[in-house]
């Protein structure tokens, strides 16, 4: 872009009907001590006051914000890819419109990529908050700062879950991209993207929470779990990566994966047709564990009730 200094970090904010939280998200960026960034907001045809809110923020952003609005709604994952197309920074840092960056996030993550050339993905622990900003807990990959081999990180997440974190929790080099987020995976496209990057190098896990992930009923995650799309994505991810030569499969990992898949099927049981449910349980999960799942869930809820923990 002629006449515009290229920033080191592009903060990508995909937005759709985000007026309720977007101002807080942008302010969490503007309050960062690290200043070599741009904010790229891509509005996916919002029908609320998102556009008017961005117009107001543009007046006081000191040139940090660039705003785009799609001609049509291209879907959640498509909008993530569109954000990266508009980004001109060397490093990509996503910030979902209902999340927040915490103090030192940009500085710590950018320093990780600057310092460790073998690292292809930097991720931090994340603070989970509710709609009002109340703290619900912390999710983390490790209890210490560590560089982990990419293939080891992929293996752990493939058989366990997304320990790396949501898009808000990571940063990576734009030059390391080999493809975009998979639009046929509405729920796990982020984890699949992390795998693409980690096939090329290491994961830097930062123990300190550097972002806040907001959990609320309107999120697509709840819809995808209830509709069965999460099961579809898990199967696609497993089929794509479980046969890779670097994956070291053990009986314990397979057992863990089967039990997790059983729980996922049980959670989505109302959305999955009977024949498909039988197929998934036979190939990827456990029919026996599925029968016992109501007892296991009841025991867990009783434990939470007695101990007051989750």
Protein backbone atom coordinates (compact mmCIF):
# COMPACT_ATOMS: atom_id res chain seq x y z
CA UNK A 1 0.00 0.00 0.00
CA UNK A 2 1.73 3.16 -1.25
CA UNK A 3 2.36 5.80 1.40
CA UNK A 4 1.36 3.55 4.31
CA UNK A 5 3.94 2.04 6.66
CA UNK A 6 3.62 -1.72 6.74
CA UNK A 7 2.78 -2.80 10.29
CA UNK A 8 4.45 -5.75 11.99
CA UNK A 9 1.18 -7.23 13.26
CA UNK A 10 -2.26 -7.34 11.64
CA UNK A 11 -5.07 -7.64 14.19
CA UNK A 12 -7.84 -9.37 12.23
CA UNK A 13 -11.37 -8.91 13.58
CA UNK A 14 -14.08 -10.77 11.64
CA UNK A 15 -17.39 -9.20 12.61
CA UNK A 16 -21.05 -10.09 12.21
CA UNK A 17 -23.68 -8.33 14.33
CA UNK A 18 -20.90 -7.53 16.76
CA UNK A 19 -22.08 -4.16 18.09
CA UNK A 20 -22.51 -5.52 21.62
CA UNK A 21 -18.82 -6.33 22.19
CA UNK A 22 -16.79 -4.83 19.34
CA UNK A 23 -15.87 -1.58 21.07
CA UNK A 24 -14.38 -3.46 24.03
CA UNK A 25 -12.41 -5.70 21.68
CA UNK A 26 -10.92 -2.77 19.76
CA UNK A 27 -10.13 -0.85 22.95
CA UNK A 28 -8.23 -3.89 24.27
CA UNK A 29 -5.97 -3.57 21.22
CA UNK A 30 -5.52 0.19 21.42
CA UNK A 31 -4.50 -0.16 25.08
CA UNK A 32 -1.59 -2.48 24.24
CA UNK A 33 1.92 -1.17 24.93
CA UNK A 34 3.07 -2.70 21.63
CA UNK A 35 2.17 -0.19 18.91
CA UNK A 36 3.36 -1.67 15.59
CA UNK A 37 -0.01 -2.97 14.45
CA UNK A 38 -3.02 -2.39 12.25
CA UNK A 39 -6.60 -3.40 13.01
CA UNK A 40 -8.46 -4.99 10.10
CA UNK A 41 -12.22 -5.24 10.66
CA UNK A 42 -14.21 -7.16 8.06
CA UNK A 43 -17.97 -6.84 8.46
CA UNK A 44 -19.83 -9.87 7.11
CA UNK A 45 -23.06 -7.99 6.25
CA UNK A 46 -24.13 -7.16 9.79
CA UNK A 47 -27.74 -6.10 10.31
CA UNK A 48 -27.15 -4.35 13.64
CA UNK A 49 -25.18 -1.17 14.46
CA UNK A 50 -21.74 -2.66 13.77
CA UNK A 51 -21.08 -0.38 10.78
CA UNK A 52 -22.09 2.79 12.63
CA UNK A 53 -19.96 1.77 15.61
CA UNK A 54 -16.90 1.24 13.43
CA UNK A 55 -17.45 4.59 11.69
CA UNK A 56 -17.40 6.24 15.11
CA UNK A 57 -14.23 4.40 16.18
CA UNK A 58 -12.45 5.29 12.95
CA UNK A 59 -12.52 8.95 13.96
CA UNK A 60 -10.41 8.26 17.06
CA UNK A 61 -8.20 5.36 15.96
CA UNK A 62 -5.15 7.40 14.85
CA UNK A 63 -5.17 5.51 11.57
CA UNK A 64 -4.84 2.06 13.16
CA UNK A 65 -8.20 0.75 11.86
CA UNK A 66 -9.04 -0.35 8.32
CA UNK A 67 -12.66 -1.32 7.73
CA UNK A 68 -14.17 -3.49 4.99
CA UNK A 69 -17.72 -4.70 4.44
CA UNK A 70 -18.49 -7.77 2.36
CA UNK A 71 -21.01 -7.48 -0.48
CA UNK A 72 -22.67 -10.65 0.77
CA UNK A 73 -22.47 -12.90 3.79
CA UNK A 74 -19.67 -15.37 3.04
CA UNK A 75 -19.99 -17.37 6.24
CA UNK A 76 -17.95 -17.33 9.42
CA UNK A 77 -14.96 -19.26 8.09
CA UNK A 78 -15.00 -17.42 4.78
CA UNK A 79 -14.80 -14.14 6.66
CA UNK A 80 -11.76 -15.35 8.60
CA UNK A 81 -10.05 -16.00 5.27
CA UNK A 82 -11.15 -12.61 3.95
CA UNK A 83 -9.53 -10.94 6.96
CA UNK A 84 -6.20 -12.54 6.11
CA UNK A 85 -6.51 -11.40 2.50
CA UNK A 86 -6.79 -7.78 3.66
CA UNK A 87 -4.01 -8.06 6.27
CA UNK A 88 -0.67 -6.50 5.28
CA UNK A 89 1.32 -7.20 8.46
CA UNK A 90 4.05 -9.81 8.74
CA UNK A 91 2.27 -11.44 11.68
CA UNK A 92 -1.41 -12.39 11.89
CA UNK A 93 -3.24 -11.99 15.21
CA UNK A 94 -6.93 -12.80 15.21
CA UNK A 95 -9.27 -11.22 17.70
CA UNK A 96 -12.85 -12.47 17.66
CA UNK A 97 -15.23 -9.54 18.09
CA UNK A 98 -16.51 -10.73 21.48
CA UNK A 99 -13.05 -11.47 22.93
CA UNK A 100 -10.34 -9.29 24.48
CA UNK A 101 -6.56 -8.98 24.43
CA UNK A 102 -4.95 -8.72 27.86
CA UNK A 103 -1.94 -6.62 28.81
CA UNK A 104 1.26 -7.59 27.02
CA UNK A 105 -0.41 -9.90 24.50
CA UNK A 106 1.02 -8.38 21.30
CA UNK A 107 4.45 -7.75 22.81
CA UNK A 108 4.89 -11.29 24.17
CA UNK A 109 3.58 -13.09 21.09
CA UNK A 110 5.47 -10.96 18.56
CA UNK A 111 8.65 -11.41 20.58
CA UNK A 112 8.18 -15.17 20.40
CA UNK A 113 8.04 -15.13 16.61
CA UNK A 114 10.93 -12.65 16.44
CA UNK A 115 13.14 -14.79 18.69
CA UNK A 116 12.42 -18.39 17.69
CA UNK A 117 12.68 -19.00 13.96
CA UNK A 118 11.59 -22.64 14.34
CA UNK A 119 8.26 -21.57 15.85
CA UNK A 120 5.32 -21.46 13.46
CA UNK A 121 2.57 -20.82 16.01
CA UNK A 122 2.53 -18.91 19.30
CA UNK A 123 -0.31 -19.49 21.72
CA UNK A 124 -1.09 -18.40 25.26
CA UNK A 125 -3.29 -19.49 28.11
CA UNK A 126 -6.66 -17.81 27.94
CA UNK A 127 -8.99 -16.42 30.54
CA UNK A 128 -12.60 -17.48 30.04
CA UNK A 129 -15.21 -14.82 30.79
CA UNK A 130 -18.98 -14.57 30.50
CA UNK A 131 -21.13 -11.96 28.78
CA UNK A 132 -20.56 -9.45 31.59
CA UNK A 133 -16.81 -10.05 31.81
CA UNK A 134 -16.94 -12.22 34.93
CA UNK A 135 -14.07 -14.70 35.12
CA UNK A 136 -15.04 -18.36 34.68
CA UNK A 137 -11.65 -20.04 34.60
CA UNK A 138 -8.39 -20.45 32.70
CA UNK A 139 -7.55 -22.80 29.83
CA UNK A 140 -3.93 -23.55 28.98
CA UNK A 141 -1.71 -25.88 26.98
CA UNK A 142 1.04 -26.12 29.62
CA UNK A 143 1.73 -24.74 33.09
CA UNK A 144 4.98 -23.17 31.90
CA UNK A 145 6.44 -21.39 28.89
CA UNK A 146 7.65 -24.08 26.50
CA UNK A 147 8.53 -24.81 22.90
CA UNK A 148 6.86 -28.04 21.81
CA UNK A 149 7.52 -29.92 18.59
CA UNK A 150 4.75 -29.41 16.07
CA UNK A 151 4.09 -33.10 15.51
CA UNK A 152 3.77 -33.68 19.26
CA UNK A 153 1.30 -30.81 19.56
CA UNK A 154 -0.77 -32.12 16.64
CA UNK A 155 -0.86 -35.61 18.15
CA UNK A 156 -2.00 -34.35 21.54
CA UNK A 157 -4.80 -32.21 20.07
CA UNK A 158 -5.90 -34.77 17.47
CA UNK A 159 -6.58 -37.38 20.14
CA UNK A 160 -7.68 -34.99 22.87
CA UNK A 161 -9.07 -31.66 21.75
CA UNK A 162 -8.10 -28.08 20.99
CA UNK A 163 -5.65 -27.46 23.82
CA UNK A 164 -3.96 -24.77 21.69
CA UNK A 165 -6.93 -22.48 21.81
CA UNK A 166 -9.29 -20.33 19.82
CA UNK A 167 -8.19 -17.88 17.07
CA UNK A 168 -7.88 -15.08 19.64
CA UNK A 169 -5.28 -17.13 21.54
CA UNK A 170 -2.62 -17.42 18.82
CA UNK A 171 -0.29 -15.50 16.47
CA UNK A 172 1.56 -16.70 13.37
CA UNK A 173 3.53 -15.44 10.38
CA UNK A 174 1.52 -14.67 7.27
CA UNK A 175 4.39 -16.02 5.17
CA UNK A 176 3.95 -19.47 6.76
CA UNK A 177 0.40 -19.87 5.45
CA UNK A 178 0.03 -22.75 2.99
CA UNK A 179 -3.73 -22.45 2.72
CA UNK A 180 -6.69 -20.84 4.42
CA UNK A 181 -9.18 -22.00 7.02
CA UNK A 182 -11.17 -24.96 5.65
CA UNK A 183 -14.68 -23.75 4.92
CA UNK A 184 -16.06 -27.30 5.08
CA UNK A 185 -15.19 -27.39 8.80
CA UNK A 186 -17.34 -24.73 10.52
CA UNK A 187 -16.29 -25.68 14.07
CA UNK A 188 -12.73 -27.03 13.86
CA UNK A 189 -11.34 -24.95 10.99
CA UNK A 190 -9.12 -23.12 13.49
CA UNK A 191 -7.57 -26.32 14.88
CA UNK A 192 -7.02 -27.65 11.35
CA UNK A 193 -5.23 -24.38 10.49
CA UNK A 194 -3.01 -24.76 13.56
CA UNK A 195 -2.14 -28.25 12.29
CA UNK A 196 -1.20 -26.82 8.87
CA UNK A 197 1.26 -24.47 10.56
CA UNK A 198 2.59 -27.02 13.05
CA UNK A 199 3.47 -29.46 10.28
CA UNK A 200 6.13 -26.89 9.38
CA UNK A 201 7.63 -26.18 12.81
CA UNK A 202 7.24 -25.77 16.55
CA UNK A 203 4.58 -24.46 18.92
CA UNK A 204 5.49 -21.82 21.53
CA UNK A 205 3.14 -22.14 24.49
CA UNK A 206 3.02 -19.15 26.84
CA UNK A 207 1.77 -19.93 30.35
CA UNK A 208 0.42 -16.46 31.20
CA UNK A 209 -3.13 -15.71 30.01
CA UNK A 210 -2.79 -13.05 27.30
CA UNK A 211 -6.38 -12.96 26.07
CA UNK A 212 -9.92 -13.35 27.34
CA UNK A 213 -12.32 -15.67 25.53
CA UNK A 214 -15.97 -14.80 26.04
CA UNK A 215 -18.44 -17.66 26.49
CA UNK A 216 -22.09 -16.88 25.83
CA UNK A 217 -25.20 -18.64 24.41
CA UNK A 218 -25.17 -16.79 21.07
CA UNK A 219 -21.85 -18.28 19.96
CA UNK A 220 -21.72 -20.58 16.94
CA UNK A 221 -20.01 -23.24 19.06
CA UNK A 222 -23.25 -24.02 20.87
CA UNK A 223 -25.13 -24.23 17.57
CA UNK A 224 -22.53 -26.52 16.00
CA UNK A 225 -22.56 -28.89 18.98
CA UNK A 226 -26.33 -29.08 18.97
CA UNK A 227 -26.55 -29.62 15.19
CA UNK A 228 -23.94 -32.37 15.02
CA UNK A 229 -21.48 -30.31 12.94
CA UNK A 230 -18.84 -30.76 15.63
CA UNK A 231 -18.99 -34.53 15.07
CA UNK A 232 -18.58 -34.07 11.32
CA UNK A 233 -15.57 -31.83 11.83
CA UNK A 234 -13.94 -34.24 14.28
CA UNK A 235 -14.27 -37.06 11.77
CA UNK A 236 -12.81 -34.97 8.93
CA UNK A 237 -9.92 -33.86 11.10
CA UNK A 238 -9.20 -37.39 12.29
CA UNK A 239 -9.36 -38.86 8.79
CA UNK A 240 -7.04 -36.14 7.45
CA UNK A 241 -4.33 -36.36 10.09
CA UNK A 242 -4.45 -39.73 11.89
CA UNK A 243 -2.65 -41.50 9.03
CA UNK A 244 0.21 -38.99 8.84
CA UNK A 245 3.63 -40.62 9.20
CA UNK A 246 4.61 -38.42 12.17
CA UNK A 247 1.58 -39.44 14.28
CA UNK A 248 2.64 -41.95 16.96
CA UNK A 249 -0.55 -43.80 17.89
CA UNK A 250 -0.76 -45.66 21.21
CA UNK A 251 -3.58 -47.71 22.70
CA UNK A 252 -4.07 -45.03 25.37
CA UNK A 253 -4.51 -42.28 22.74
CA UNK A 254 -7.00 -44.41 20.81
CA UNK A 255 -8.97 -45.16 23.98
CA UNK A 256 -8.99 -41.47 24.90
CA UNK A 257 -10.18 -40.51 21.43
CA UNK A 258 -12.96 -43.11 21.44
CA UNK A 259 -14.24 -41.95 24.82
CA UNK A 260 -14.18 -38.31 23.75
CA UNK A 261 -15.99 -39.11 20.52
CA UNK A 262 -18.56 -41.08 22.48
CA UNK A 263 -19.19 -38.06 24.70
CA UNK A 264 -19.47 -35.79 21.63
CA UNK A 265 -21.99 -38.13 20.02
CA UNK A 266 -24.00 -38.25 23.22
CA UNK A 267 -24.02 -34.43 23.45
CA UNK A 268 -25.25 -34.20 19.82
CA UNK A 269 -27.54 -37.24 20.01
CA UNK A 270 -30.72 -35.31 19.17
CA UNK A 271 -29.23 -33.97 15.92
CA UNK A 272 -27.64 -37.16 14.56
CA UNK A 273 -29.87 -39.64 12.69
CA UNK A 274 -29.93 -43.15 14.14
CA UNK A 275 -28.03 -44.88 11.32
CA UNK A 276 -25.31 -42.28 11.33
CA UNK A 277 -25.02 -42.43 15.11
CA UNK A 278 -24.49 -46.19 14.91
CA UNK A 279 -21.82 -45.73 12.22
CA UNK A 280 -19.91 -43.11 14.22
CA UNK A 281 -20.06 -45.16 17.41
CA UNK A 282 -18.83 -48.26 15.56
CA UNK A 283 -15.92 -46.62 13.73
CA UNK A 284 -14.78 -43.79 15.97
CA UNK A 285 -16.31 -44.25 19.42
CA UNK A 286 -17.70 -46.93 21.76
CA UNK A 287 -21.23 -48.33 21.85
CA UNK A 288 -20.70 -49.60 25.40
CA UNK A 289 -19.47 -46.24 26.65
CA UNK A 290 -22.42 -44.56 24.92
CA UNK A 291 -24.89 -46.71 26.89
CA UNK A 292 -23.11 -45.77 30.13
CA UNK A 293 -22.70 -42.09 29.26
CA UNK A 294 -25.85 -40.86 31.10
CA UNK A 295 -24.48 -42.37 34.34
CA UNK A 296 -21.07 -40.80 33.77
CA UNK A 297 -22.60 -37.37 33.12
CA UNK A 298 -24.83 -37.70 36.20
CA UNK A 299 -21.82 -38.61 38.35
CA UNK A 300 -19.91 -35.59 37.04
CA UNK A 301 -22.79 -33.24 37.78
CA UNK A 302 -23.20 -34.66 41.29
CA UNK A 303 -19.49 -34.07 41.89
CA UNK A 304 -19.83 -30.47 40.72
CA UNK A 305 -22.86 -30.00 42.99
CA UNK A 306 -21.10 -31.45 46.03
CA UNK A 307 -17.72 -29.77 45.56
CA UNK A 308 -18.94 -26.56 43.97
CA UNK A 309 -16.42 -26.92 41.14
CA UNK A 310 -16.63 -27.42 37.36
